[in-house]
Amino acid sequence: MEFKNVTVIKKANVYFDGKVTSRTVLFESGEKKTLGFMLKGDYEFGTSAEEIMEVIGGSMDIMLKDETAYKTYSEGESFVVPADSSYKIIVKEYADYCCSYIEK
């Protein structure tokens, strides 16, 4: 996948003592994505906008808010996280991802 005609914010978004990092990509249309990498660990994130998470490499186990079990997503798979929600992630080795923010 390749993005053209974008602006990349140089400063990284750093979470969980550097175990999760991402860079923000802004499109001329106003669309926003982040490209990130997660090291092995357990994480929890909250959302304000709806998010589409695409796994580019590795895998992650995801449990959305109000769910009781984790589901594994691997390279080439994606999942949707509703706006104003949260989700838990378990990364067993690493996860390379692209997050698209859906503003409504």
PDB file of N, CA and C in Angstrom:
ATOM      1  N   MET A   1       0.850  -1.177   0.000  1.00  0.00           N
ATOM      2  CA  MET A   1       0.000   0.000   0.000  1.00  0.00           C
ATOM      3  C   MET A   1       0.889   1.233   0.000  1.00  0.00           C
ATOM      4  N   GLU A   2       0.448   2.217  -0.688  1.00  0.00           N
ATOM      5  CA  GLU A   2       1.203   3.463  -0.794  1.00  0.00           C
ATOM      6  C   GLU A   2       0.232   4.630  -0.714  1.00  0.00           C
ATOM      7  N   PHE A   3       0.635   5.687  -0.011  1.00  0.00           N
ATOM      8  CA  PHE A   3      -0.163   6.901   0.062  1.00  0.00           C
ATOM      9  C   PHE A   3       0.536   7.978  -0.747  1.00  0.00           C
ATOM     10  N   LYS A   4      -0.218   8.741  -1.523  1.00  0.00           N
ATOM     11  CA  LYS A   4       0.353   9.831  -2.321  1.00  0.00           C
ATOM     12  C   LYS A   4      -0.260  11.158  -1.896  1.00  0.00           C
ATOM     13  N   ASN A   5       0.500  12.225  -2.076  1.00  0.00           N
ATOM     14  CA  ASN A   5       0.025  13.580  -1.767  1.00  0.00           C
ATOM     15  C   ASN A   5      -0.489  13.702  -0.338  1.00  0.00           C
ATOM     16  N   VAL A   6       0.357  13.351   0.618  1.00  0.00           N
ATOM     17  CA  VAL A   6      -0.021  13.404   2.023  1.00  0.00           C
ATOM     18  C   VAL A   6       0.969  14.266   2.803  1.00  0.00           C
ATOM     19  N   THR A   7       0.569  14.626   3.999  1.00  0.00           N
ATOM     20  CA  THR A   7       1.442  15.284   4.952  1.00  0.00           C
ATOM     21  C   THR A   7       1.668  14.315   6.102  1.00  0.00           C
ATOM     22  N   VAL A   8       2.909  14.127   6.502  1.00  0.00           N
ATOM     23  CA  VAL A   8       3.237  13.244   7.617  1.00  0.00           C
ATOM     24  C   VAL A   8       3.746  14.104   8.770  1.00  0.00           C
ATOM     25  N   ILE A   9       3.155  13.918   9.930  1.00  0.00           N
ATOM     26  CA  ILE A   9       3.615  14.613  11.133  1.00  0.00           C
ATOM     27  C   ILE A   9       4.887  13.898  11.611  1.00  0.00           C
ATOM     28  N   LYS A  10       5.997  14.601  11.678  1.00  0.00           N
ATOM     29  CA  LYS A  10       7.274  13.967  12.002  1.00  0.00           C
ATOM     30  C   LYS A  10       7.332  13.416  13.423  1.00  0.00           C
ATOM     31  N   LYS A  11       6.751  14.142  14.366  1.00  0.00           N
ATOM     32  CA  LYS A  11       6.825  13.721  15.765  1.00  0.00           C
ATOM     33  C   LYS A  11       5.964  12.478  15.982  1.00  0.00           C
ATOM     34  N   ALA A  12       6.539  11.472  16.591  1.00  0.00           N
ATOM     35  CA  ALA A  12       5.823  10.217  16.841  1.00  0.00           C
ATOM     36  C   ALA A  12       4.827  10.365  17.981  1.00  0.00           C
ATOM     37  N   ASN A  13       3.757   9.579  17.884  1.00  0.00           N
ATOM     38  CA  ASN A  13       2.841   9.371  19.003  1.00  0.00           C
ATOM     39  C   ASN A  13       3.418   8.179  19.763  1.00  0.00           C
ATOM     40  N   VAL A  14       3.740   8.352  21.037  1.00  0.00           N
ATOM     41  CA  VAL A  14       4.405   7.304  21.809  1.00  0.00           C
ATOM     42  C   VAL A  14       3.537   6.947  23.015  1.00  0.00           C
ATOM     43  N   TYR A  15       3.258   5.656  23.168  1.00  0.00           N
ATOM     44  CA  TYR A  15       2.410   5.169  24.254  1.00  0.00           C
ATOM     45  C   TYR A  15       3.104   4.012  24.971  1.00  0.00           C
ATOM     46  N   PHE A  16       2.668   3.752  26.192  1.00  0.00           N
ATOM     47  CA  PHE A  16       3.120   2.586  26.950  1.00  0.00           C
ATOM     48  C   PHE A  16       4.645   2.470  26.974  1.00  0.00           C
ATOM     49  N   ASP A  17       5.288   3.555  27.429  1.00  0.00           N
ATOM     50  CA  ASP A  17       6.748   3.589  27.583  1.00  0.00           C
ATOM     51  C   ASP A  17       7.484   3.223  26.300  1.00  0.00           C
ATOM     52  N   GLY A  18       6.928   3.622  25.162  1.00  0.00           N
ATOM     53  CA  GLY A  18       7.582   3.393  23.880  1.00  0.00           C
ATOM     54  C   GLY A  18       7.287   2.056  23.230  1.00  0.00           C
ATOM     55  N   LYS A  19       6.451   1.246  23.848  1.00  0.00           N
ATOM     56  CA  LYS A  19       6.126  -0.060  23.271  1.00  0.00           C
ATOM     57  C   LYS A  19       5.132   0.045  22.119  1.00  0.00           C
ATOM     58  N   VAL A  20       4.437   1.176  22.036  1.00  0.00           N
ATOM     59  CA  VAL A  20       3.517   1.441  20.927  1.00  0.00           C
ATOM     60  C   VAL A  20       3.860   2.823  20.377  1.00  0.00           C
ATOM     61  N   THR A  21       4.140   2.890  19.072  1.00  0.00           N
ATOM     62  CA  THR A  21       4.418   4.174  18.438  1.00  0.00           C
ATOM     63  C   THR A  21       3.659   4.277  17.125  1.00  0.00           C
ATOM     64  N   SER A  22       3.363   5.492  16.727  1.00  0.00           N
ATOM     65  CA  SER A  22       2.708   5.704  15.433  1.00  0.00           C
ATOM     66  C   SER A  22       3.072   7.077  14.895  1.00  0.00           C
ATOM     67  N   ARG A  23       2.829   7.259  13.609  1.00  0.00           N
ATOM     68  CA  ARG A  23       2.988   8.542  12.930  1.00  0.00           C
ATOM     69  C   ARG A  23       1.658   8.895  12.286  1.00  0.00           C
ATOM     70  N   THR A  24       1.303  10.154  12.330  1.00  0.00           N
ATOM     71  CA  THR A  24       0.039  10.622  11.765  1.00  0.00           C
ATOM     72  C   THR A  24       0.237  11.026  10.315  1.00  0.00           C
ATOM     73  N   VAL A  25      -0.692  10.556   9.466  1.00  0.00           N
ATOM     74  CA  VAL A  25      -0.693  10.859   8.041  1.00  0.00           C
ATOM     75  C   VAL A  25      -1.972  11.628   7.733  1.00  0.00           C
ATOM     76  N   LEU A  26      -1.840  12.824   7.145  1.00  0.00           N
ATOM     77  CA  LEU A  26      -2.987  13.660   6.811  1.00  0.00           C
ATOM     78  C   LEU A  26      -3.135  13.744   5.297  1.00  0.00           C
ATOM     79  N   PHE A  27      -4.360  13.558   4.811  1.00  0.00           N
ATOM     80  CA  PHE A  27      -4.647  13.571   3.383  1.00  0.00           C
ATOM     81  C   PHE A  27      -5.270  14.907   2.988  1.00  0.00           C
ATOM     82  N   GLU A  28      -5.128  15.282   1.722  1.00  0.00           N
ATOM     83  CA  GLU A  28      -5.704  16.530   1.221  1.00  0.00           C
ATOM     84  C   GLU A  28      -7.213  16.584   1.449  1.00  0.00           C
ATOM     85  N   SER A  29      -7.875  15.432   1.448  1.00  0.00           N
ATOM     86  CA  SER A  29      -9.323  15.348   1.636  1.00  0.00           C
ATOM     87  C   SER A  29      -9.747  15.616   3.077  1.00  0.00           C
ATOM     88  N   GLY A  30      -8.773  15.658   4.002  1.00  0.00           N
ATOM     89  CA  GLY A  30      -9.080  15.825   5.416  1.00  0.00           C
ATOM     90  C   GLY A  30      -9.034  14.509   6.174  1.00  0.00           C
ATOM     91  N   GLU A  31      -8.907  13.409   5.447  1.00  0.00           N
ATOM     92  CA  GLU A  31      -8.820  12.088   6.074  1.00  0.00           C
ATOM     93  C   GLU A  31      -7.548  12.001   6.913  1.00  0.00           C
ATOM     94  N   LYS A  32      -7.628  11.227   8.013  1.00  0.00           N
ATOM     95  CA  LYS A  32      -6.492  11.060   8.916  1.00  0.00           C
ATOM     96  C   LYS A  32      -6.274   9.579   9.173  1.00  0.00           C
ATOM     97  N   LYS A  33      -5.010   9.162   9.130  1.00  0.00           N
ATOM     98  CA  LYS A  33      -4.630   7.795   9.457  1.00  0.00           C
ATOM     99  C   LYS A  33      -3.396   7.851  10.343  1.00  0.00           C
ATOM    100  N   THR A  34      -3.154   6.762  11.054  1.00  0.00           N
ATOM    101  CA  THR A  34      -1.877   6.607  11.731  1.00  0.00           C
ATOM    102  C   THR A  34      -1.268   5.290  11.289  1.00  0.00           C
ATOM    103  N   LEU A  35       0.047   5.299  11.133  1.00  0.00           N
ATOM    104  CA  LEU A  35       0.818   4.092  10.840  1.00  0.00           C
ATOM    105  C   LEU A  35       1.631   3.811  12.083  1.00  0.00           C
ATOM    106  N   GLY A  36       1.471   2.588  12.629  1.00  0.00           N
ATOM    107  CA  GLY A  36       2.125   2.329  13.893  1.00  0.00           C
ATOM    108  C   GLY A  36       2.683   0.940  14.046  1.00  0.00           C
ATOM    109  N   PHE A  37       3.373   0.759  15.164  1.00  0.00           N
ATOM    110  CA  PHE A  37       4.023  -0.496  15.484  1.00  0.00           C
ATOM    111  C   PHE A  37       3.878  -0.755  16.977  1.00  0.00           C
ATOM    112  N   MET A  38       3.529  -1.997  17.330  1.00  0.00           N
ATOM    113  CA  MET A  38       3.382  -2.397  18.729  1.00  0.00           C
ATOM    114  C   MET A  38       4.335  -3.544  19.037  1.00  0.00           C
ATOM    115  N   LEU A  39       5.041  -3.421  20.130  1.00  0.00           N
ATOM    116  CA  LEU A  39       5.864  -4.508  20.629  1.00  0.00           C
ATOM    117  C   LEU A  39       5.009  -5.423  21.503  1.00  0.00           C
ATOM    118  N   LYS A  40       5.543  -6.556  21.861  1.00  0.00           N
ATOM    119  CA  LYS A  40       4.862  -7.524  22.716  1.00  0.00           C
ATOM    120  C   LYS A  40       4.335  -6.836  23.973  1.00  0.00           C
ATOM    121  N   GLY A  41       3.052  -7.096  24.308  1.00  0.00           N
ATOM    122  CA  GLY A  41       2.467  -6.513  25.510  1.00  0.00           C
ATOM    123  C   GLY A  41       0.957  -6.510  25.468  1.00  0.00           C
ATOM    124  N   ASP A  42       0.360  -6.043  26.569  1.00  0.00           N
ATOM    125  CA  ASP A  42      -1.090  -5.902  26.714  1.00  0.00           C
ATOM    126  C   ASP A  42      -1.402  -4.410  26.785  1.00  0.00           C
ATOM    127  N   TYR A  43      -2.386  -3.980  25.999  1.00  0.00           N
ATOM    128  CA  TYR A  43      -2.701  -2.553  25.898  1.00  0.00           C
ATOM    129  C   TYR A  43      -4.209  -2.338  25.902  1.00  0.00           C
ATOM    130  N   GLU A  44      -4.609  -1.133  26.257  1.00  0.00           N
ATOM    131  CA  GLU A  44      -6.018  -0.741  26.143  1.00  0.00           C
ATOM    132  C   GLU A  44      -6.071   0.687  25.619  1.00  0.00           C
ATOM    133  N   PHE A  45      -6.920   0.888  24.609  1.00  0.00           N
ATOM    134  CA  PHE A  45      -7.086   2.199  23.990  1.00  0.00           C
ATOM    135  C   PHE A  45      -8.544   2.620  24.022  1.00  0.00           C
ATOM    136  N   GLY A  46      -8.781   3.923  24.098  1.00  0.00           N
ATOM    137  CA  GLY A  46     -10.112   4.489  23.972  1.00  0.00           C
ATOM    138  C   GLY A  46     -10.237   5.179  22.618  1.00  0.00           C
ATOM    139  N   THR A  47     -11.457   5.308  22.142  1.00  0.00           N
ATOM    140  CA  THR A  47     -11.688   5.969  20.860  1.00  0.00           C
ATOM    141  C   THR A  47     -12.618   7.154  21.035  1.00  0.00           C
ATOM    142  N   SER A  48     -12.447   8.149  20.185  1.00  0.00           N
ATOM    143  CA  SER A  48     -13.434   9.227  20.096  1.00  0.00           C
ATOM    144  C   SER A  48     -14.158   9.085  18.763  1.00  0.00           C
ATOM    145  N   ALA A  49     -13.399   8.874  17.678  1.00  0.00           N
ATOM    146  CA  ALA A  49     -13.995   8.618  16.359  1.00  0.00           C
ATOM    147  C   ALA A  49     -14.006   7.112  16.107  1.00  0.00           C
ATOM    148  N   GLU A  50     -14.824   6.685  15.178  1.00  0.00           N
ATOM    149  CA  GLU A  50     -14.790   5.294  14.744  1.00  0.00           C
ATOM    150  C   GLU A  50     -13.425   5.023  14.111  1.00  0.00           C
ATOM    151  N   GLU A  51     -12.881   3.830  14.332  1.00  0.00           N
ATOM    152  CA  GLU A  51     -11.570   3.480  13.808  1.00  0.00           C
ATOM    153  C   GLU A  51     -11.635   2.170  13.034  1.00  0.00           C
ATOM    154  N   ILE A  52     -10.926   2.129  11.933  1.00  0.00           N
ATOM    155  CA  ILE A  52     -10.722   0.880  11.205  1.00  0.00           C
ATOM    156  C   ILE A  52      -9.250   0.531  11.378  1.00  0.00           C
ATOM    157  N   MET A  53      -8.987  -0.581  12.029  1.00  0.00           N
ATOM    158  CA  MET A  53      -7.615  -1.021  12.281  1.00  0.00           C
ATOM    159  C   MET A  53      -7.263  -2.140  11.311  1.00  0.00           C
ATOM    160  N   GLU A  54      -6.227  -1.910  10.517  1.00  0.00           N
ATOM    161  CA  GLU A  54      -5.751  -2.897   9.546  1.00  0.00           C
ATOM    162  C   GLU A  54      -4.401  -3.428  10.014  1.00  0.00           C
ATOM    163  N   VAL A  55      -4.281  -4.737  10.108  1.00  0.00           N
ATOM    164  CA  VAL A  55      -3.026  -5.350  10.515  1.00  0.00           C
ATOM    165  C   VAL A  55      -2.155  -5.519   9.271  1.00  0.00           C
ATOM    166  N   ILE A  56      -1.016  -4.844   9.254  1.00  0.00           N
ATOM    167  CA  ILE A  56      -0.110  -4.882   8.105  1.00  0.00           C
ATOM    168  C   ILE A  56       0.922  -5.996   8.270  1.00  0.00           C
ATOM    169  N   GLY A  57       1.302  -6.274   9.508  1.00  0.00           N
ATOM    170  CA  GLY A  57       2.266  -7.332   9.798  1.00  0.00           C
ATOM    171  C   GLY A  57       2.088  -7.831  11.209  1.00  0.00           C
ATOM    172  N   GLY A  58       2.477  -9.075  11.454  1.00  0.00           N
ATOM    173  CA  GLY A  58       2.307  -9.658  12.781  1.00  0.00           C
ATOM    174  C   GLY A  58       0.852  -9.965  13.056  1.00  0.00           C
ATOM    175  N   SER A  59       0.482  -9.899  14.324  1.00  0.00           N
ATOM    176  CA  SER A  59      -0.906 -10.169  14.709  1.00  0.00           C
ATOM    177  C   SER A  59      -1.215  -9.509  16.040  1.00  0.00           C
ATOM    178  N   MET A  60      -2.505  -9.408  16.319  1.00  0.00           N
ATOM    179  CA  MET A  60      -2.954  -8.867  17.600  1.00  0.00           C
ATOM    180  C   MET A  60      -4.260  -9.542  17.995  1.00  0.00           C
ATOM    181  N   ASP A  61      -4.406  -9.803  19.282  1.00  0.00           N
ATOM    182  CA  ASP A  61      -5.654 -10.333  19.830  1.00  0.00           C
ATOM    183  C   ASP A  61      -6.451  -9.142  20.345  1.00  0.00           C
ATOM    184  N   ILE A  62      -7.709  -9.029  19.912  1.00  0.00           N
ATOM    185  CA  ILE A  62      -8.533  -7.863  20.207  1.00  0.00           C
ATOM    186  C   ILE A  62      -9.784  -8.268  20.966  1.00  0.00           C
ATOM    187  N   MET A  63     -10.133  -7.492  21.992  1.00  0.00           N
ATOM    188  CA  MET A  63     -11.425  -7.632  22.659  1.00  0.00           C
ATOM    189  C   MET A  63     -12.044  -6.242  22.720  1.00  0.00           C
ATOM    190  N   LEU A  64     -13.132  -6.078  21.976  1.00  0.00           N
ATOM    191  CA  LEU A  64     -13.850  -4.807  21.975  1.00  0.00           C
ATOM    192  C   LEU A  64     -14.628  -4.639  23.266  1.00  0.00           C
ATOM    193  N   LYS A  65     -14.958  -3.401  23.589  1.00  0.00           N
ATOM    194  CA  LYS A  65     -15.763  -3.093  24.772  1.00  0.00           C
ATOM    195  C   LYS A  65     -17.049  -3.915  24.712  1.00  0.00           C
ATOM    196  N   ASP A  66     -17.487  -4.425  25.835  1.00  0.00           N
ATOM    197  CA  ASP A  66     -18.709  -5.219  25.980  1.00  0.00           C
ATOM    198  C   ASP A  66     -18.595  -6.623  25.382  1.00  0.00           C
ATOM    199  N   GLU A  67     -17.424  -7.017  24.897  1.00  0.00           N
ATOM    200  CA  GLU A  67     -17.220  -8.396  24.469  1.00  0.00           C
ATOM    201  C   GLU A  67     -16.525  -9.154  25.590  1.00  0.00           C
ATOM    202  N   THR A  68     -16.600 -10.478  25.555  1.00  0.00           N
ATOM    203  CA  THR A  68     -16.041 -11.286  26.635  1.00  0.00           C
ATOM    204  C   THR A  68     -14.886 -12.173  26.191  1.00  0.00           C
ATOM    205  N   ALA A  69     -14.551 -12.144  24.896  1.00  0.00           N
ATOM    206  CA  ALA A  69     -13.471 -12.994  24.399  1.00  0.00           C
ATOM    207  C   ALA A  69     -12.616 -12.221  23.391  1.00  0.00           C
ATOM    208  N   TYR A  70     -11.374 -12.625  23.298  1.00  0.00           N
ATOM    209  CA  TYR A  70     -10.455 -12.035  22.329  1.00  0.00           C
ATOM    210  C   TYR A  70     -10.590 -12.742  20.982  1.00  0.00           C
ATOM    211  N   LYS A  71     -10.338 -12.003  19.904  1.00  0.00           N
ATOM    212  CA  LYS A  71     -10.295 -12.550  18.555  1.00  0.00           C
ATOM    213  C   LYS A  71      -8.961 -12.135  17.942  1.00  0.00           C
ATOM    214  N   THR A  72      -8.298 -13.071  17.265  1.00  0.00           N
ATOM    215  CA  THR A  72      -6.998 -12.795  16.663  1.00  0.00           C
ATOM    216  C   THR A  72      -7.156 -12.240  15.258  1.00  0.00           C
ATOM    217  N   TYR A  73      -6.419 -11.160  14.991  1.00  0.00           N
ATOM    218  CA  TYR A  73      -6.363 -10.557  13.665  1.00  0.00           C
ATOM    219  C   TYR A  73      -4.909 -10.597  13.208  1.00  0.00           C
ATOM    220  N   SER A  74      -4.698 -11.094  11.998  1.00  0.00           N
ATOM    221  CA  SER A  74      -3.357 -11.247  11.449  1.00  0.00           C
ATOM    222  C   SER A  74      -3.197 -10.394  10.209  1.00  0.00           C
ATOM    223  N   GLU A  75      -1.992 -10.423   9.642  1.00  0.00           N
ATOM    224  CA  GLU A  75      -1.667  -9.643   8.455  1.00  0.00           C
ATOM    225  C   GLU A  75      -2.748  -9.754   7.381  1.00  0.00           C
ATOM    226  N   GLY A  76      -3.187  -8.588   6.896  1.00  0.00           N
ATOM    227  CA  GLY A  76      -4.216  -8.539   5.857  1.00  0.00           C
ATOM    228  C   GLY A  76      -5.635  -8.468   6.385  1.00  0.00           C
ATOM    229  N   GLU A  77      -5.819  -8.604   7.682  1.00  0.00           N
ATOM    230  CA  GLU A  77      -7.160  -8.540   8.280  1.00  0.00           C
ATOM    231  C   GLU A  77      -7.362  -7.181   8.942  1.00  0.00           C
ATOM    232  N   SER A  78      -8.627  -6.819   9.148  1.00  0.00           N
ATOM    233  CA  SER A  78      -8.948  -5.549   9.795  1.00  0.00           C
ATOM    234  C   SER A  78     -10.182  -5.705  10.667  1.00  0.00           C
ATOM    235  N   PHE A  79     -10.396  -4.734  11.540  1.00  0.00           N
ATOM    236  CA  PHE A  79     -11.569  -4.717  12.408  1.00  0.00           C
ATOM    237  C   PHE A  79     -11.968  -3.270  12.650  1.00  0.00           C
ATOM    238  N   VAL A  80     -13.216  -3.090  13.069  1.00  0.00           N
ATOM    239  CA  VAL A  80     -13.767  -1.756  13.311  1.00  0.00           C
ATOM    240  C   VAL A  80     -14.003  -1.579  14.804  1.00  0.00           C
ATOM    241  N   VAL A  81     -13.596  -0.431  15.311  1.00  0.00           N
ATOM    242  CA  VAL A  81     -13.860  -0.060  16.698  1.00  0.00           C
ATOM    243  C   VAL A  81     -14.827   1.112  16.669  1.00  0.00           C
ATOM    244  N   PRO A  82     -15.980   0.985  17.329  1.00  0.00           N
ATOM    245  CA  PRO A  82     -16.952   2.082  17.319  1.00  0.00           C
ATOM    246  C   PRO A  82     -16.412   3.354  17.983  1.00  0.00           C
ATOM    247  N   ALA A  83     -17.012   4.474  17.629  1.00  0.00           N
ATOM    248  CA  ALA A  83     -16.678   5.751  18.269  1.00  0.00           C
ATOM    249  C   ALA A  83     -17.055   5.701  19.750  1.00  0.00           C
ATOM    250  N   ASP A  84     -16.375   6.502  20.545  1.00  0.00           N
ATOM    251  CA  ASP A  84     -16.655   6.606  21.987  1.00  0.00           C
ATOM    252  C   ASP A  84     -16.679   5.236  22.650  1.00  0.00           C
ATOM    253  N   SER A  85     -15.664   4.453  22.387  1.00  0.00           N
ATOM    254  CA  SER A  85     -15.582   3.086  22.894  1.00  0.00           C
ATOM    255  C   SER A  85     -14.164   2.816  23.376  1.00  0.00           C
ATOM    256  N   SER A  86     -13.851   1.545  23.548  1.00  0.00           N
ATOM    257  CA  SER A  86     -12.501   1.144  23.923  1.00  0.00           C
ATOM    258  C   SER A  86     -12.267  -0.282  23.449  1.00  0.00           C
ATOM    259  N   TYR A  87     -10.999  -0.669  23.457  1.00  0.00           N
ATOM    260  CA  TYR A  87     -10.665  -2.042  23.100  1.00  0.00           C
ATOM    261  C   TYR A  87      -9.355  -2.433  23.762  1.00  0.00           C
ATOM    262  N   LYS A  88      -9.223  -3.740  24.034  1.00  0.00           N
ATOM    263  CA  LYS A  88      -8.008  -4.278  24.627  1.00  0.00           C
ATOM    264  C   LYS A  88      -7.251  -5.052  23.552  1.00  0.00           C
ATOM    265  N   ILE A  89      -5.926  -4.982  23.640  1.00  0.00           N
ATOM    266  CA  ILE A  89      -5.056  -5.626  22.664  1.00  0.00           C
ATOM    267  C   ILE A  89      -4.002  -6.449  23.403  1.00  0.00           C
ATOM    268  N   ILE A  90      -3.796  -7.673  22.918  1.00  0.00           N
ATOM    269  CA  ILE A  90      -2.658  -8.474  23.352  1.00  0.00           C
ATOM    270  C   ILE A  90      -1.805  -8.722  22.114  1.00  0.00           C
ATOM    271  N   VAL A  91      -0.540  -8.305  22.182  1.00  0.00           N
ATOM    272  CA  VAL A  91       0.409  -8.552  21.107  1.00  0.00           C
ATOM    273  C   VAL A  91       1.402  -9.584  21.627  1.00  0.00           C
ATOM    274  N   LYS A  92       1.480 -10.723  20.943  1.00  0.00           N
ATOM    275  CA  LYS A  92       2.345 -11.810  21.412  1.00  0.00           C
ATOM    276  C   LYS A  92       3.771 -11.700  20.879  1.00  0.00           C
ATOM    277  N   GLU A  93       3.952 -11.103  19.688  1.00  0.00           N
ATOM    278  CA  GLU A  93       5.289 -10.892  19.146  1.00  0.00           C
ATOM    279  C   GLU A  93       5.454  -9.433  18.733  1.00  0.00           C
ATOM    280  N   TYR A  94       4.744  -9.023  17.677  1.00  0.00           N
ATOM    281  CA  TYR A  94       4.722  -7.631  17.235  1.00  0.00           C
ATOM    282  C   TYR A  94       3.482  -7.427  16.383  1.00  0.00           C
ATOM    283  N   ALA A  95       3.118  -6.169  16.172  1.00  0.00           N
ATOM    284  CA  ALA A  95       2.008  -5.828  15.283  1.00  0.00           C
ATOM    285  C   ALA A  95       2.331  -4.517  14.582  1.00  0.00           C
ATOM    286  N   ASP A  96       2.260  -4.549  13.265  1.00  0.00           N
ATOM    287  CA  ASP A  96       2.426  -3.382  12.411  1.00  0.00           C
ATOM    288  C   ASP A  96       1.021  -3.044  11.920  1.00  0.00           C
ATOM    289  N   TYR A  97       0.598  -1.786  12.034  1.00  0.00           N
ATOM    290  CA  TYR A  97      -0.805  -1.489  11.742  1.00  0.00           C
ATOM    291  C   TYR A  97      -1.008  -0.139  11.071  1.00  0.00           C
ATOM    292  N   CYS A  98      -2.188  -0.005  10.466  1.00  0.00           N
ATOM    293  CA  CYS A  98      -2.673   1.255   9.918  1.00  0.00           C
ATOM    294  C   CYS A  98      -4.056   1.497  10.510  1.00  0.00           C
ATOM    295  N   CYS A  99      -4.240   2.643  11.130  1.00  0.00           N
ATOM    296  CA  CYS A  99      -5.529   2.999  11.732  1.00  0.00           C
ATOM    297  C   CYS A  99      -6.136   4.159  10.951  1.00  0.00           C
ATOM    298  N   SER A 100      -7.346   3.950  10.450  1.00  0.00           N
ATOM    299  CA  SER A 100      -8.088   4.989   9.738  1.00  0.00           C
ATOM    300  C   SER A 100      -9.177   5.524  10.650  1.00  0.00           C
ATOM    301  N   TYR A 101      -9.266   6.842  10.756  1.00  0.00           N
ATOM    302  CA  TYR A 101     -10.256   7.490  11.616  1.00  0.00           C
ATOM    303  C   TYR A 101     -11.435   7.930  10.764  1.00  0.00           C
ATOM    304  N   ILE A 102     -12.632   7.523  11.157  1.00  0.00           N
ATOM    305  CA  ILE A 102     -13.851   7.827  10.406  1.00  0.00           C
ATOM    306  C   ILE A 102     -14.632   8.888  11.163  1.00  0.00           C
ATOM    307  N   GLU A 103     -14.586  10.107  10.674  1.00  0.00           N
ATOM    308  CA  GLU A 103     -15.321  11.211  11.292  1.00  0.00           C
ATOM    309  C   GLU A 103     -16.700  11.284  10.646  1.00  0.00           C
ATOM    310  N   LYS A 104     -17.717  11.335  11.476  1.00  0.00           N
ATOM    311  CA  LYS A 104     -19.098  11.396  10.944  1.00  0.00           C
ATOM    312  C   LYS A 104     -19.750  12.691  11.302  1.00  0.00           C
TER     313      LYS A 104
END
